[in-house]
Amino acid sequence: MLKTQYKTNMTTKEQKQQVVAELVEKIKRSSGIYFIDFTGMNAAYTLSTRRELKSKGIEFRVAKNTVILRALAEVGGYEHITREVLFGQTMLWFGVNDGVGPAKVLKELTDKSEIPKLKAAYVEGEYFDATQLKALASLPTREDLIAGILGSLNAPISGIVGSVNAVLRDVAYLVEEVAKKQNAA
């Protein structure tokens, strides 16, 4: 019996190390990490939330708080996330391509219901506490920023095209007027 118990503990330890390694990898490649309290979510609401997260390209993971803290310590730079912040049930949302996208989804969900709740977030290395969800959700998404930049780049080009067209129109008008005068003379 002692050997079986020892083997079970080793498996649990190995499983925890595997979860820590997985979290470290996700943390390193994410531009936004959200620590979510999902206490009180029923199975149906949890399932619909997970589907919505997947449809928006947001990765998520539920883990024990001690395992999360261990992964954060291994990565470093997450000093604001302490045992006081991580209490109860914690789900991590990872904004891999867009650090602000998860905040917008969370804001939509919290507008409908009190659950889930933001415990804290790190977006592009900046710490946000639970009270800053509205500010975080109001930031432009990556796609919004790219669209704005492309719009700014296109504006001068369309201005140049308009100017060139105006010059060509003026030249064509001038040639037409010269031709009329020569025909009249």
C-alpha atoms as a PDB file:
ATOM      1  CA  MET A   1       0.000   0.000   0.000  1.00  0.00           C
ATOM      2  CA  LEU A   2       2.844   2.371   0.776  1.00  0.00           C
ATOM      3  CA  LYS A   3       4.324   1.909  -2.709  1.00  0.00           C
ATOM      4  CA  THR A   4       0.969   2.608  -4.350  1.00  0.00           C
ATOM      5  CA  GLN A   5       0.518   5.791  -2.349  1.00  0.00           C
ATOM      6  CA  TYR A   6       4.069   6.896  -3.189  1.00  0.00           C
ATOM      7  CA  LYS A   7       3.469   6.195  -6.880  1.00  0.00           C
ATOM      8  CA  THR A   8       0.205   8.180  -6.829  1.00  0.00           C
ATOM      9  CA  ASN A   9       1.990  11.155  -5.256  1.00  0.00           C
ATOM     10  CA  MET A  10       4.679  10.998  -7.912  1.00  0.00           C
ATOM     11  CA  THR A  11       2.051  10.954 -10.650  1.00  0.00           C
ATOM     12  CA  THR A  12       0.334  13.971  -9.111  1.00  0.00           C
ATOM     13  CA  LYS A  13       3.661  15.767  -8.834  1.00  0.00           C
ATOM     14  CA  GLU A  14       4.460  14.940 -12.454  1.00  0.00           C
ATOM     15  CA  GLN A  15       1.022  16.106 -13.530  1.00  0.00           C
ATOM     16  CA  LYS A  16       1.498  19.407 -11.688  1.00  0.00           C
ATOM     17  CA  GLN A  17       4.894  19.870 -13.330  1.00  0.00           C
ATOM     18  CA  GLN A  18       3.287  19.218 -16.710  1.00  0.00           C
ATOM     19  CA  VAL A  19       0.549  21.788 -16.024  1.00  0.00           C
ATOM     20  CA  VAL A  20       3.172  24.314 -14.864  1.00  0.00           C
ATOM     21  CA  ALA A  21       5.164  23.741 -18.067  1.00  0.00           C
ATOM     22  CA  GLU A  22       2.017  24.202 -20.170  1.00  0.00           C
ATOM     23  CA  LEU A  23       1.113  27.412 -18.336  1.00  0.00           C
ATOM     24  CA  VAL A  24       4.655  28.776 -18.678  1.00  0.00           C
ATOM     25  CA  GLU A  25       4.503  28.205 -22.430  1.00  0.00           C
ATOM     26  CA  LYS A  26       1.091  29.922 -22.734  1.00  0.00           C
ATOM     27  CA  ILE A  27       2.161  32.839 -20.521  1.00  0.00           C
ATOM     28  CA  LYS A  28       5.305  33.440 -22.569  1.00  0.00           C
ATOM     29  CA  ARG A  29       3.442  33.641 -25.878  1.00  0.00           C
ATOM     30  CA  SER A  30       0.454  35.676 -24.661  1.00  0.00           C
ATOM     31  CA  SER A  31       0.140  39.434 -24.909  1.00  0.00           C
ATOM     32  CA  GLY A  32      -2.744  39.400 -22.435  1.00  0.00           C
ATOM     33  CA  ILE A  33      -3.338  37.164 -19.410  1.00  0.00           C
ATOM     34  CA  TYR A  34      -6.589  37.401 -17.486  1.00  0.00           C
ATOM     35  CA  PHE A  35      -7.175  35.850 -14.076  1.00  0.00           C
ATOM     36  CA  ILE A  36     -10.899  35.101 -13.884  1.00  0.00           C
ATOM     37  CA  ASP A  37     -13.050  34.106 -10.914  1.00  0.00           C
ATOM     38  CA  PHE A  38     -15.708  31.762 -12.233  1.00  0.00           C
ATOM     39  CA  THR A  39     -17.165  30.739  -8.880  1.00  0.00           C
ATOM     40  CA  GLY A  40     -20.885  30.086  -9.217  1.00  0.00           C
ATOM     41  CA  MET A  41     -20.931  29.327 -12.937  1.00  0.00           C
ATOM     42  CA  ASN A  42     -23.160  26.364 -13.704  1.00  0.00           C
ATOM     43  CA  ALA A  43     -22.146  23.741 -16.251  1.00  0.00           C
ATOM     44  CA  ALA A  44     -24.271  25.121 -19.089  1.00  0.00           C
ATOM     45  CA  TYR A  45     -22.986  28.693 -18.632  1.00  0.00           C
ATOM     46  CA  THR A  46     -19.397  27.436 -18.376  1.00  0.00           C
ATOM     47  CA  LEU A  47     -19.822  25.480 -21.600  1.00  0.00           C
ATOM     48  CA  SER A  48     -21.307  28.455 -23.481  1.00  0.00           C
ATOM     49  CA  THR A  49     -18.527  30.715 -22.158  1.00  0.00           C
ATOM     50  CA  ARG A  50     -15.859  28.279 -23.312  1.00  0.00           C
ATOM     51  CA  ARG A  51     -17.471  28.086 -26.756  1.00  0.00           C
ATOM     52  CA  GLU A  52     -17.497  31.865 -27.020  1.00  0.00           C
ATOM     53  CA  LEU A  53     -13.846  32.057 -25.967  1.00  0.00           C
ATOM     54  CA  LYS A  54     -12.868  29.483 -28.572  1.00  0.00           C
ATOM     55  CA  SER A  55     -14.833  31.297 -31.284  1.00  0.00           C
ATOM     56  CA  LYS A  56     -12.955  34.531 -30.461  1.00  0.00           C
ATOM     57  CA  GLY A  57      -9.556  32.788 -30.492  1.00  0.00           C
ATOM     58  CA  ILE A  58      -9.037  33.128 -26.752  1.00  0.00           C
ATOM     59  CA  GLU A  59      -7.237  30.276 -25.065  1.00  0.00           C
ATOM     60  CA  PHE A  60      -8.177  29.357 -21.513  1.00  0.00           C
ATOM     61  CA  ARG A  61      -7.085  27.017 -18.760  1.00  0.00           C
ATOM     62  CA  VAL A  62      -8.342  26.176 -15.285  1.00  0.00           C
ATOM     63  CA  ALA A  63      -5.610  25.405 -12.768  1.00  0.00           C
ATOM     64  CA  LYS A  64      -4.981  25.405  -9.057  1.00  0.00           C
ATOM     65  CA  ASN A  65      -3.846  28.757  -7.716  1.00  0.00           C
ATOM     66  CA  THR A  66      -0.587  27.316  -6.362  1.00  0.00           C
ATOM     67  CA  VAL A  67       0.224  25.887  -9.796  1.00  0.00           C
ATOM     68  CA  ILE A  68      -0.549  29.244 -11.425  1.00  0.00           C
ATOM     69  CA  LEU A  69       1.704  31.044  -8.938  1.00  0.00           C
ATOM     70  CA  ARG A  70       4.486  28.541  -9.592  1.00  0.00           C
ATOM     71  CA  ALA A  71       4.221  29.099 -13.366  1.00  0.00           C
ATOM     72  CA  LEU A  72       4.197  32.894 -12.945  1.00  0.00           C
ATOM     73  CA  ALA A  73       7.265  32.720 -10.693  1.00  0.00           C
ATOM     74  CA  GLU A  74       9.050  30.613 -13.288  1.00  0.00           C
ATOM     75  CA  VAL A  75       8.332  33.159 -16.036  1.00  0.00           C
ATOM     76  CA  GLY A  76       8.951  36.188 -13.793  1.00  0.00           C
ATOM     77  CA  GLY A  77       7.599  39.721 -13.972  1.00  0.00           C
ATOM     78  CA  TYR A  78       4.186  39.046 -12.433  1.00  0.00           C
ATOM     79  CA  GLU A  79       4.792  40.324  -8.904  1.00  0.00           C
ATOM     80  CA  HIS A  80       1.290  41.793  -8.549  1.00  0.00           C
ATOM     81  CA  ILE A  81      -0.282  38.343  -8.731  1.00  0.00           C
ATOM     82  CA  THR A  82      -0.157  37.016  -5.188  1.00  0.00           C
ATOM     83  CA  ARG A  83      -2.148  34.604  -3.056  1.00  0.00           C
ATOM     84  CA  GLU A  84      -4.384  37.540  -2.101  1.00  0.00           C
ATOM     85  CA  VAL A  85      -5.307  38.047  -5.768  1.00  0.00           C
ATOM     86  CA  LEU A  86      -5.665  34.359  -6.549  1.00  0.00           C
ATOM     87  CA  PHE A  87      -8.425  33.061  -4.336  1.00  0.00           C
ATOM     88  CA  GLY A  88     -11.214  30.583  -5.001  1.00  0.00           C
ATOM     89  CA  GLN A  89     -11.565  29.139  -8.462  1.00  0.00           C
ATOM     90  CA  THR A  90      -9.325  30.625 -11.135  1.00  0.00           C
ATOM     91  CA  MET A  91      -9.555  30.344 -14.896  1.00  0.00           C
ATOM     92  CA  LEU A  92      -6.821  31.883 -17.014  1.00  0.00           C
ATOM     93  CA  TRP A  93      -7.715  33.518 -20.315  1.00  0.00           C
ATOM     94  CA  PHE A  94      -4.847  34.007 -22.747  1.00  0.00           C
ATOM     95  CA  GLY A  95      -4.981  36.667 -25.442  1.00  0.00           C
ATOM     96  CA  VAL A  96      -2.298  35.291 -27.724  1.00  0.00           C
ATOM     97  CA  ASN A  97      -2.818  37.464 -30.809  1.00  0.00           C
ATOM     98  CA  ASP A  98      -4.806  40.207 -29.127  1.00  0.00           C
ATOM     99  CA  GLY A  99      -4.205  41.200 -25.528  1.00  0.00           C
ATOM    100  CA  VAL A 100      -7.374  43.305 -25.291  1.00  0.00           C
ATOM    101  CA  GLY A 101      -9.844  40.890 -26.918  1.00  0.00           C
ATOM    102  CA  PRO A 102     -10.479  38.885 -23.736  1.00  0.00           C
ATOM    103  CA  ALA A 103     -11.362  42.093 -21.849  1.00  0.00           C
ATOM    104  CA  LYS A 104     -14.057  42.888 -24.390  1.00  0.00           C
ATOM    105  CA  VAL A 105     -15.528  39.368 -24.084  1.00  0.00           C
ATOM    106  CA  LEU A 106     -15.391  39.553 -20.285  1.00  0.00           C
ATOM    107  CA  LYS A 107     -17.086  42.971 -20.314  1.00  0.00           C
ATOM    108  CA  GLU A 108     -19.904  41.571 -22.483  1.00  0.00           C
ATOM    109  CA  LEU A 109     -20.339  38.624 -20.104  1.00  0.00           C
ATOM    110  CA  THR A 110     -20.309  40.754 -16.959  1.00  0.00           C
ATOM    111  CA  ASP A 111     -22.859  43.122 -18.492  1.00  0.00           C
ATOM    112  CA  LYS A 112     -25.226  40.137 -18.758  1.00  0.00           C
ATOM    113  CA  SER A 113     -24.371  38.515 -15.438  1.00  0.00           C
ATOM    114  CA  GLU A 114     -22.224  38.948 -12.329  1.00  0.00           C
ATOM    115  CA  ILE A 115     -20.235  35.871 -13.305  1.00  0.00           C
ATOM    116  CA  PRO A 116     -17.384  35.595 -14.346  1.00  0.00           C
ATOM    117  CA  LYS A 117     -15.386  38.280 -12.556  1.00  0.00           C
ATOM    118  CA  LEU A 118     -11.969  39.721 -13.270  1.00  0.00           C
ATOM    119  CA  LYS A 119      -9.434  39.172 -10.499  1.00  0.00           C
ATOM    120  CA  ALA A 120      -6.552  40.823 -12.352  1.00  0.00           C
ATOM    121  CA  ALA A 121      -4.922  41.022 -15.778  1.00  0.00           C
ATOM    122  CA  TYR A 122      -1.610  41.673 -17.446  1.00  0.00           C
ATOM    123  CA  VAL A 123      -1.805  43.184 -20.919  1.00  0.00           C
ATOM    124  CA  GLU A 124       1.410  43.935 -22.780  1.00  0.00           C
ATOM    125  CA  GLY A 125       3.268  43.765 -19.458  1.00  0.00           C
ATOM    126  CA  GLU A 126       0.951  46.261 -17.701  1.00  0.00           C
ATOM    127  CA  TYR A 127      -0.963  45.214 -14.579  1.00  0.00           C
ATOM    128  CA  PHE A 128      -4.706  45.861 -14.294  1.00  0.00           C
ATOM    129  CA  ASP A 129      -6.687  45.102 -11.154  1.00  0.00           C
ATOM    130  CA  ALA A 130     -10.315  43.989 -10.918  1.00  0.00           C
ATOM    131  CA  THR A 131     -11.648  47.568 -10.922  1.00  0.00           C
ATOM    132  CA  GLN A 132     -10.110  48.437 -14.293  1.00  0.00           C
ATOM    133  CA  LEU A 133     -12.161  46.163 -16.564  1.00  0.00           C
ATOM    134  CA  LYS A 134     -14.029  49.046 -18.250  1.00  0.00           C
ATOM    135  CA  ALA A 135     -10.785  50.868 -19.037  1.00  0.00           C
ATOM    136  CA  LEU A 136      -9.230  47.674 -20.333  1.00  0.00           C
ATOM    137  CA  ALA A 137     -12.249  46.809 -22.481  1.00  0.00           C
ATOM    138  CA  SER A 138     -12.259  50.306 -23.996  1.00  0.00           C
ATOM    139  CA  LEU A 139      -8.742  49.903 -25.411  1.00  0.00           C
ATOM    140  CA  PRO A 140      -8.620  49.225 -29.150  1.00  0.00           C
ATOM    141  CA  THR A 141      -8.070  45.637 -30.237  1.00  0.00           C
ATOM    142  CA  ARG A 142      -5.134  44.620 -32.379  1.00  0.00           C
ATOM    143  CA  GLU A 143      -7.399  44.517 -35.444  1.00  0.00           C
ATOM    144  CA  ASP A 144      -8.686  48.037 -34.670  1.00  0.00           C
ATOM    145  CA  LEU A 145      -5.121  49.349 -34.422  1.00  0.00           C
ATOM    146  CA  ILE A 146      -4.111  47.674 -37.693  1.00  0.00           C
ATOM    147  CA  ALA A 147      -7.202  49.059 -39.453  1.00  0.00           C
ATOM    148  CA  GLY A 148      -6.432  52.539 -38.132  1.00  0.00           C
ATOM    149  CA  ILE A 149      -2.833  52.350 -39.304  1.00  0.00           C
ATOM    150  CA  LEU A 150      -3.844  51.069 -42.734  1.00  0.00           C
ATOM    151  CA  GLY A 151      -6.465  53.812 -42.995  1.00  0.00           C
ATOM    152  CA  SER A 152      -3.818  56.390 -42.143  1.00  0.00           C
ATOM    153  CA  LEU A 153      -1.472  54.941 -44.728  1.00  0.00           C
ATOM    154  CA  ASN A 154      -4.193  54.861 -47.381  1.00  0.00           C
ATOM    155  CA  ALA A 155      -5.259  58.473 -46.755  1.00  0.00           C
ATOM    156  CA  PRO A 156      -2.069  60.042 -48.209  1.00  0.00           C
ATOM    157  CA  ILE A 157      -2.151  57.622 -51.133  1.00  0.00           C
ATOM    158  CA  SER A 158      -5.753  58.471 -51.976  1.00  0.00           C
ATOM    159  CA  GLY A 159      -4.843  62.162 -51.643  1.00  0.00           C
ATOM    160  CA  ILE A 160      -2.002  61.718 -54.104  1.00  0.00           C
ATOM    161  CA  VAL A 161      -4.251  59.819 -56.517  1.00  0.00           C
ATOM    162  CA  GLY A 162      -6.826  62.613 -56.286  1.00  0.00           C
ATOM    163  CA  SER A 163      -4.156  65.241 -56.944  1.00  0.00           C
ATOM    164  CA  VAL A 164      -2.756  63.335 -59.917  1.00  0.00           C
ATOM    165  CA  ASN A 165      -6.265  62.898 -61.326  1.00  0.00           C
ATOM    166  CA  ALA A 166      -6.942  66.637 -60.893  1.00  0.00           C
ATOM    167  CA  VAL A 167      -3.714  67.519 -62.723  1.00  0.00           C
ATOM    168  CA  LEU A 168      -4.519  65.071 -65.524  1.00  0.00           C
ATOM    169  CA  ARG A 169      -8.057  66.482 -65.765  1.00  0.00           C
ATOM    170  CA  ASP A 170      -6.645  70.020 -65.954  1.00  0.00           C
ATOM    171  CA  VAL A 171      -4.116  68.956 -68.611  1.00  0.00           C
ATOM    172  CA  ALA A 172      -6.874  67.257 -70.631  1.00  0.00           C
ATOM    173  CA  TYR A 173      -9.044  70.395 -70.344  1.00  0.00           C
ATOM    174  CA  LEU A 174      -6.105  72.564 -71.420  1.00  0.00           C
ATOM    175  CA  VAL A 175      -5.368  70.341 -74.437  1.00  0.00           C
ATOM    176  CA  GLU A 176      -9.050  70.427 -75.386  1.00  0.00           C
ATOM    177  CA  GLU A 177      -9.149  74.251 -75.164  1.00  0.00           C
ATOM    178  CA  VAL A 178      -5.982  74.572 -77.257  1.00  0.00           C
ATOM    179  CA  ALA A 179      -7.455  72.226 -79.847  1.00  0.00           C
ATOM    180  CA  LYS A 180     -10.680  74.287 -79.979  1.00  0.00           C
ATOM    181  CA  LYS A 181      -8.715  77.502 -80.487  1.00  0.00           C
ATOM    182  CA  GLN A 182      -6.635  75.985 -83.275  1.00  0.00           C
ATOM    183  CA  ASN A 183      -9.732  74.669 -85.021  1.00  0.00           C
ATOM    184  CA  ALA A 184     -11.383  78.103 -84.699  1.00  0.00           C
ATOM    185  CA  ALA A 185      -8.322  79.849 -86.163  1.00  0.00           C
END
